[in-house]
């Protein structure tokens, strides 16, 4: 499994999470880009108005996942195992992870993080 994780590059918590995932990336199959990269909404096939709603995963087959499913796909790619994505797809687990993800996403600018990616890489954003 390989693909690209699109994250909120103006969010310090999102940037910290992205940096952590890259440290886990044993396979080299995980790539990242900020959602603010020009042309991202077209690449993902979603309207600009929905772009910042959730983290997105674009896999090598062209499938796009959002939210907790996208995060699990990214972890799966980094670790080289489909276990995180498989566990996420268990009905009770999916509901719980989706609820936690939505709360975190809604409060992401209040959570501790690091220097947002777009501040340290303004050309990319």
Protein backbone atom coordinates (compact mmCIF):
# COMPACT_ATOMS: atom_id res chain seq x y z
CA UNK A 1 0.00 0.00 0.00
CA UNK A 2 1.42 3.36 -0.98
CA UNK A 3 0.09 6.86 -1.36
CA UNK A 4 0.07 10.44 -0.23
CA UNK A 5 -1.32 11.87 2.98
CA UNK A 6 -2.69 15.40 2.56
CA UNK A 7 -2.71 17.28 5.87
CA UNK A 8 -3.51 20.79 7.10
CA UNK A 9 -0.17 22.54 6.68
CA UNK A 10 -1.33 25.56 8.71
CA UNK A 11 -1.99 23.39 11.78
CA UNK A 12 0.81 22.76 14.29
CA UNK A 13 -0.81 19.59 15.67
CA UNK A 14 -1.33 18.26 12.13
CA UNK A 15 2.30 19.02 11.27
CA UNK A 16 3.50 17.23 14.41
CA UNK A 17 1.35 14.20 13.53
CA UNK A 18 2.72 14.22 9.97
CA UNK A 19 6.30 14.38 11.29
CA UNK A 20 5.60 11.43 13.61
CA UNK A 21 4.19 9.37 10.74
CA UNK A 22 7.27 10.09 8.64
CA UNK A 23 9.44 8.75 11.49
CA UNK A 24 7.38 5.54 11.38
CA UNK A 25 7.75 5.29 7.60
CA UNK A 26 9.76 2.06 7.37
CA UNK A 27 8.59 1.32 3.84
CA UNK A 28 9.12 4.63 2.07
CA UNK A 29 5.56 4.19 0.72
CA UNK A 30 4.16 7.14 2.69
CA UNK A 31 4.38 10.57 1.11
CA UNK A 32 2.88 13.79 2.45
CA UNK A 33 1.70 17.11 1.08
CA UNK A 34 -0.15 19.99 2.69
CA UNK A 35 -3.78 20.41 1.69
CA UNK A 36 -2.83 23.99 0.82
CA UNK A 37 -0.72 22.87 -2.17
CA UNK A 38 -2.20 24.46 -5.31
CA UNK A 39 -4.31 22.01 -7.32
CA UNK A 40 -4.96 19.64 -4.41
CA UNK A 41 -8.75 19.76 -4.65
CA UNK A 42 -8.57 18.80 -8.33
CA UNK A 43 -6.15 15.94 -7.61
CA UNK A 44 -8.43 14.61 -4.90
CA UNK A 45 -11.64 15.22 -6.83
CA UNK A 46 -13.31 17.24 -4.07
CA UNK A 47 -14.61 20.82 -4.04
CA UNK A 48 -12.45 23.57 -2.55
CA UNK A 49 -15.15 24.15 0.08
CA UNK A 50 -14.63 20.63 1.50
CA UNK A 51 -10.85 20.50 1.22
CA UNK A 52 -10.01 21.50 4.80
CA UNK A 53 -12.69 19.31 6.43
CA UNK A 54 -10.37 16.35 6.98
CA UNK A 55 -6.99 14.81 6.31
CA UNK A 56 -7.02 12.95 2.97
CA UNK A 57 -5.25 9.86 1.65
CA UNK A 58 -4.71 9.32 -2.07
CA UNK A 59 -3.53 5.78 -2.65
CA UNK A 60 -1.58 4.50 -5.62
CA UNK A 61 -4.81 3.14 -7.16
CA UNK A 62 -6.39 6.61 -7.14
CA UNK A 63 -8.75 5.89 -4.24
CA UNK A 64 -9.29 8.79 -1.82
CA UNK A 65 -10.05 8.32 1.88
CA UNK A 66 -10.84 11.02 4.43
CA UNK A 67 -10.60 11.45 8.19
CA UNK A 68 -9.81 8.49 10.42
CA UNK A 69 -9.81 6.12 7.47
CA UNK A 70 -7.15 8.28 5.76
CA UNK A 71 -5.04 8.35 8.92
CA UNK A 72 -5.25 4.56 9.23
CA UNK A 73 -4.30 4.14 5.57
CA UNK A 74 -1.25 6.35 6.14
CA UNK A 75 -0.18 4.34 9.20
CA UNK A 76 -0.68 1.12 7.22
CA UNK A 77 1.53 2.42 4.41
CA UNK A 78 4.21 3.62 6.83
CA UNK A 79 4.36 0.33 8.72
CA UNK A 80 3.95 -1.90 5.69
CA UNK A 81 0.91 -3.73 7.06
CA UNK A 82 -2.81 -3.38 6.39
CA UNK A 83 -3.64 -4.13 10.04
CA UNK A 84 -4.47 -0.51 11.07
CA UNK A 85 -6.81 -0.09 8.10
CA UNK A 86 -8.37 -3.52 8.63
CA UNK A 87 -9.01 -2.83 12.33
CA UNK A 88 -10.52 0.57 11.45
CA UNK A 89 -13.05 -1.11 9.16
CA UNK A 90 -14.54 -3.17 12.02
CA UNK A 91 -17.98 -1.52 12.49
CA UNK A 92 -17.68 -0.56 16.18
CA UNK A 93 -14.09 0.58 15.81
CA UNK A 94 -14.94 2.69 12.75
CA UNK A 95 -17.63 4.61 14.66
CA UNK A 96 -15.37 5.24 17.63
CA UNK A 97 -12.38 6.34 15.55
CA UNK A 98 -14.56 8.57 13.37
CA UNK A 99 -15.98 10.31 16.47
CA UNK A 100 -12.54 10.83 18.01
CA UNK A 101 -11.14 12.04 14.68
CA UNK A 102 -14.00 14.54 14.24
CA UNK A 103 -13.42 15.97 17.74
CA UNK A 104 -9.67 16.30 17.15
CA UNK A 105 -10.18 17.84 13.70
CA UNK A 106 -12.68 20.36 15.06
CA UNK A 107 -10.24 21.41 17.83
CA UNK A 108 -6.93 21.01 15.96
CA UNK A 109 -5.88 24.65 16.22
CA UNK A 110 -6.20 24.50 20.02
CA UNK A 111 -4.11 21.34 20.46
CA UNK A 112 -0.34 21.42 21.04
CA UNK A 113 1.86 21.04 18.04
CA UNK A 114 4.94 22.40 16.35
CA UNK A 115 5.63 25.12 13.82
CA UNK A 116 3.03 24.62 11.09
CA UNK A 117 4.45 23.19 7.88
CA UNK A 118 3.29 26.15 5.80
CA UNK A 119 5.20 28.58 8.02
CA UNK A 120 8.47 26.75 7.47
CA UNK A 121 7.76 25.82 3.82
CA UNK A 122 5.75 28.77 2.44
CA UNK A 123 6.55 27.95 -1.19
CA UNK A 124 4.76 24.59 -0.85
CA UNK A 125 1.60 26.22 0.42
